[in-house]
Protein backbone atom coordinates (compact mmCIF):
# COMPACT_ATOMS: atom_id res chain seq x y z
CA UNK A 1 99.42 -40.59 249.18
CA UNK A 2 97.75 -37.73 247.32
CA UNK A 3 96.34 -35.77 250.26
CA UNK A 4 94.67 -33.23 247.98
CA UNK A 5 92.71 -36.00 246.25
CA UNK A 6 91.83 -37.55 249.61
CA UNK A 7 90.53 -34.24 250.97
CA UNK A 8 88.45 -33.65 247.85
CA UNK A 9 87.02 -37.18 248.03
CA UNK A 10 86.08 -36.78 251.71
CA UNK A 11 84.39 -33.47 250.94
CA UNK A 12 82.50 -35.02 248.02
CA UNK A 13 81.42 -38.05 250.06
CA UNK A 14 80.19 -35.99 253.02
CA UNK A 15 78.28 -33.56 250.82
CA UNK A 16 76.71 -36.35 248.76
CA UNK A 17 75.62 -38.26 251.87
CA UNK A 18 74.08 -35.11 253.38
CA UNK A 19 72.13 -34.30 250.20
CA UNK A 20 70.98 -37.87 249.69
CA UNK A 21 69.60 -38.38 253.19
CA UNK A 22 67.40 -35.31 252.69
CA UNK A 23 66.23 -36.45 249.24
CA UNK A 24 65.84 -40.13 250.10
CA UNK A 25 63.70 -39.77 253.23
CA UNK A 26 60.49 -38.59 251.47
CA UNK A 27 61.03 -41.00 248.56
CA UNK A 28 61.58 -43.95 250.89
CA UNK A 29 58.54 -42.98 252.96
CA UNK A 30 56.35 -42.88 249.85
CA UNK A 31 57.69 -46.20 248.56
CA UNK A 32 57.18 -47.87 251.94
CA UNK A 33 53.65 -46.67 252.62
CA UNK A 34 52.08 -45.76 249.30
CA UNK A 35 49.36 -48.05 247.93
CA UNK A 36 49.64 -46.86 244.35
CA UNK A 37 49.61 -49.76 241.92
CA UNK A 38 52.33 -48.16 239.81
CA UNK A 39 54.68 -47.84 242.79
CA UNK A 40 56.92 -50.51 241.26
CA UNK A 41 57.84 -48.08 238.49
CA UNK A 42 59.19 -45.58 241.02
CA UNK A 43 61.07 -48.38 242.76
CA UNK A 44 62.60 -49.49 239.47
CA UNK A 45 63.59 -45.93 238.59
CA UNK A 46 65.16 -45.36 242.02
CA UNK A 47 67.13 -48.61 241.71
CA UNK A 48 68.23 -48.06 238.11
CA UNK A 49 71.75 -46.81 238.99
CA UNK A 50 72.45 -50.22 240.56
CA UNK A 51 72.41 -51.91 237.14
CA UNK A 52 73.26 -49.00 234.85
CA UNK A 53 76.94 -48.74 233.85
CA UNK A 54 78.53 -45.71 235.56
CA UNK A 55 79.78 -44.32 232.26
CA UNK A 56 76.25 -44.40 230.84
CA UNK A 57 74.90 -42.56 233.88
CA UNK A 58 77.72 -40.03 233.64
CA UNK A 59 77.02 -39.52 229.95
CA UNK A 60 73.35 -38.77 230.56
CA UNK A 61 74.21 -36.37 233.38
CA UNK A 62 76.41 -34.51 230.90
CA UNK A 63 73.65 -34.52 228.30
CA UNK A 64 71.00 -33.37 230.80
CA UNK A 65 73.14 -30.49 232.03
CA UNK A 66 74.88 -29.69 228.74
CA UNK A 67 74.74 -26.28 227.14
CA UNK A 68 72.12 -27.47 224.63
CA UNK A 69 69.59 -28.63 227.24
CA UNK A 70 67.16 -26.40 229.22
CA UNK A 71 68.65 -27.58 232.54
CA UNK A 72 72.14 -26.90 231.27
CA UNK A 73 71.28 -23.40 230.07
CA UNK A 74 69.57 -22.66 233.37
CA UNK A 75 72.61 -23.91 235.31
CA UNK A 76 74.94 -21.86 233.14
CA UNK A 77 72.75 -18.80 233.67
CA UNK A 78 72.91 -19.24 237.45
CA UNK A 79 76.59 -20.13 237.79
CA UNK A 80 78.24 -18.73 234.66
CA UNK A 81 79.78 -22.09 233.69
CA UNK A 82 78.76 -25.57 232.61
CA UNK A 83 78.42 -28.46 235.03
CA UNK A 84 81.05 -30.64 233.36
CA UNK A 85 84.57 -30.72 234.80
CA UNK A 86 83.56 -29.00 238.04
CA UNK A 87 83.21 -30.15 241.65
CA UNK A 88 79.48 -29.39 241.44
CA UNK A 89 79.28 -31.82 238.53
CA UNK A 90 80.86 -34.52 240.71
CA UNK A 91 78.23 -33.86 243.39
CA UNK A 92 75.32 -34.11 240.92
CA UNK A 93 76.68 -37.30 239.36
CA UNK A 94 77.37 -38.84 242.78
CA UNK A 95 73.87 -38.04 244.02
CA UNK A 96 72.30 -39.86 241.07
CA UNK A 97 74.72 -42.79 241.27
CA UNK A 98 74.38 -43.39 245.03
CA UNK A 99 70.64 -42.72 245.29
CA UNK A 100 69.62 -46.43 245.64
CA UNK A 101 72.08 -46.87 248.49
CA UNK A 102 70.20 -44.22 250.45
CA UNK A 103 66.64 -45.22 249.55
CA UNK A 104 66.73 -48.99 250.03
CA UNK A 105 67.96 -49.11 253.66
CA UNK A 106 65.36 -46.51 254.60
CA UNK A 107 62.54 -48.42 252.90
CA UNK A 108 63.52 -51.62 254.69
CA UNK A 109 63.71 -49.80 258.01
CA UNK A 110 60.31 -48.12 257.54
CA UNK A 111 58.65 -51.42 256.61
CA UNK A 112 60.05 -53.08 259.73
CA UNK A 113 58.16 -50.72 262.05
CA UNK A 114 55.09 -52.19 263.69
CA UNK A 115 52.07 -50.59 261.91
CA UNK A 116 50.22 -50.52 265.23
CA UNK A 117 52.59 -47.84 266.51
CA UNK A 118 51.87 -45.64 263.50
CA UNK A 119 48.13 -46.22 263.83
CA UNK A 120 48.28 -45.35 267.54
CA UNK A 121 50.02 -42.09 266.76
CA UNK A 122 47.36 -41.16 264.21
CA UNK A 123 44.53 -42.14 266.61
CA UNK A 124 46.03 -39.86 269.25
CA UNK A 125 45.70 -36.96 266.83
CA UNK A 126 49.20 -36.65 265.44
CA UNK A 127 49.51 -35.55 261.83
CA UNK A 128 51.39 -37.56 259.23
CA UNK A 129 54.35 -35.20 259.55
CA UNK A 130 54.36 -35.39 263.34
CA UNK A 131 54.07 -39.18 263.21
CA UNK A 132 57.01 -39.34 260.84
CA UNK A 133 59.31 -37.24 263.04
CA UNK A 134 58.14 -38.57 266.40
CA UNK A 135 57.56 -42.24 265.64
CA UNK A 136 58.88 -43.42 262.28
CA UNK A 137 62.18 -41.59 262.13
CA UNK A 138 63.34 -42.39 265.69
CA UNK A 139 62.49 -46.06 265.17
CA UNK A 140 64.42 -46.04 261.89
CA UNK A 141 67.71 -44.85 263.35
CA UNK A 142 69.56 -47.94 262.14
CA UNK A 143 68.23 -47.46 258.60
CA UNK A 144 69.22 -43.80 258.56
CA UNK A 145 72.72 -44.63 259.82
CA UNK A 146 73.07 -47.40 257.24
CA UNK A 147 71.91 -45.11 254.41
CA UNK A 148 74.40 -42.40 255.39
CA UNK A 149 77.28 -44.85 255.74
CA UNK A 150 76.57 -46.66 252.47
CA UNK A 151 76.22 -43.49 250.43
CA UNK A 152 79.43 -42.14 251.94
CA UNK A 153 81.35 -45.35 251.23
CA UNK A 154 79.91 -45.74 247.74
CA UNK A 155 80.81 -42.16 246.82
CA UNK A 156 84.25 -42.49 248.41
CA UNK A 157 85.20 -45.30 246.05
CA UNK A 158 83.30 -44.44 242.86
CA UNK A 159 85.26 -44.08 239.64
CA UNK A 160 83.27 -44.21 236.40
CA UNK A 161 80.78 -41.43 237.08
CA UNK A 162 83.29 -38.96 238.51
CA UNK A 163 85.71 -39.58 235.66
CA UNK A 164 82.97 -39.17 233.06
CA UNK A 165 81.49 -36.00 234.55
CA UNK A 166 84.50 -34.35 236.14
CA UNK A 167 87.49 -35.62 234.23
CA UNK A 168 90.86 -35.62 235.97
CA UNK A 169 91.66 -32.08 237.10
CA UNK A 170 94.02 -31.90 240.13
CA UNK A 171 92.43 -30.11 243.07
CA UNK A 172 89.07 -29.80 241.29
CA UNK A 173 87.80 -33.21 240.17
CA UNK A 174 90.61 -35.70 240.82
CA UNK A 175 89.27 -38.05 243.48
CA UNK A 176 91.23 -40.72 245.29
CA UNK A 177 90.01 -43.51 242.98
CA UNK A 178 91.07 -41.54 239.91
CA UNK A 179 94.45 -40.96 241.56
CA UNK A 180 94.88 -44.75 241.88
CA UNK A 181 94.12 -45.10 238.17
CA UNK A 182 96.65 -42.38 237.33
CA UNK A 183 99.34 -44.04 239.47
CA UNK A 184 98.77 -47.40 237.77
CA UNK A 185 98.88 -45.77 234.32
CA UNK A 186 102.19 -44.16 235.27
CA UNK A 187 103.60 -47.47 236.51
CA UNK A 188 103.85 -46.23 240.10
CA UNK A 189 102.48 -49.38 241.69
CA UNK A 190 103.84 -48.68 245.16
CA UNK A 191 101.86 -45.43 245.45
CA UNK A 192 98.79 -47.07 243.94
CA UNK A 193 99.06 -49.87 246.50
CA UNK A 194 99.20 -47.44 249.44
CA UNK A 195 96.19 -45.49 248.20
CA UNK A 196 94.26 -48.68 247.46
CA UNK A 197 94.93 -49.93 250.98
CA UNK A 198 93.46 -46.69 252.35
CA UNK A 199 90.32 -47.19 250.23
CA UNK A 200 90.08 -50.80 251.36
CA UNK A 201 90.50 -49.87 255.03
CA UNK A 202 87.89 -47.10 254.87
CA UNK A 203 85.38 -49.39 253.15
CA UNK A 204 85.95 -52.19 255.68
CA UNK A 205 85.65 -49.88 258.68
CA UNK A 206 82.40 -48.37 257.41
CA UNK A 207 80.85 -51.79 256.77
CA UNK A 208 82.04 -53.07 260.15
CA UNK A 209 80.51 -50.02 261.83
CA UNK A 210 77.18 -50.61 260.04
CA UNK A 211 77.00 -54.26 261.14
CA UNK A 212 78.03 -53.38 264.69
CA UNK A 213 75.37 -50.64 264.88
CA UNK A 214 72.64 -52.91 263.54
CA UNK A 215 73.52 -55.69 266.00
CA UNK A 216 73.07 -53.20 268.84
CA UNK A 217 70.06 -51.37 267.42
CA UNK A 218 67.79 -54.21 266.26
CA UNK A 219 67.42 -56.10 269.58
CA UNK A 220 66.24 -52.90 271.30
CA UNK A 221 63.67 -52.14 268.61
CA UNK A 222 60.04 -52.67 269.65
CA UNK A 223 59.32 -54.93 266.66
CA UNK A 224 62.19 -57.35 267.45
C-alpha cells in the first residue's frame, strides 16, 4: 500500500468535496427554482462532465490555465508557476469533473420540499436568504450529505483527469488510482490488488452510508 498516495488522495477528495458543496448550493438552488426558459442550457452545462471523456476535460483544463491563456497568465502571476503538474491543478480538475455529482442530489432534494413551506416562510416576512438557511437547507440535509459523499467518492477514485492535469509525480500528484495503474504496469499485481480492494471498500462503504442515511432521513421529512 502506497500510504503517501493514499494520504494525498484523501486530502484531494476532502478539499474537492468542501469546495464543491459551496459552489453547488447556489447553482442547485437556481436550477431548482428558476423559471428561466433557458435553464436547460445551464443544466446541460452542469451535467456535461458526466458524458465528457475525462481526458478531454483534463485537456481543456490545461488549455484554459496554460501559459498562453489569460487565466493561465493570471494564475502564474499569482502563484509563480503553472497549474499543470501541481496539487492545485488536481483540485481544479477534480472540481470540474465532480461538479454534477454535487449539483444533481441538491437539485433533487430542493425540488422535493413542499412549496407551501417556502411560501409560508416568505409570507411571514423572511427573505430569500433567510428562507434558504432556515427552511430549505435544513430540509435538504439528505441531499447535502449525498452530494458531499458522492463528490468525495468520485474524486477518490478518479483517474483520467488527475493523470492528464497532474501527471504522475510521487508525493505531489500521484493519487491512489494512478498508483494502481503504475503497479499494474510494473507487473506487481499483488500490490495492485491490495490497493484496488481498498478503493472498492471505500466506495462500497460510502454508498452504503448514503443509502442508510436516506432510509432514515426521508421518512421523517415533512413531504414524505
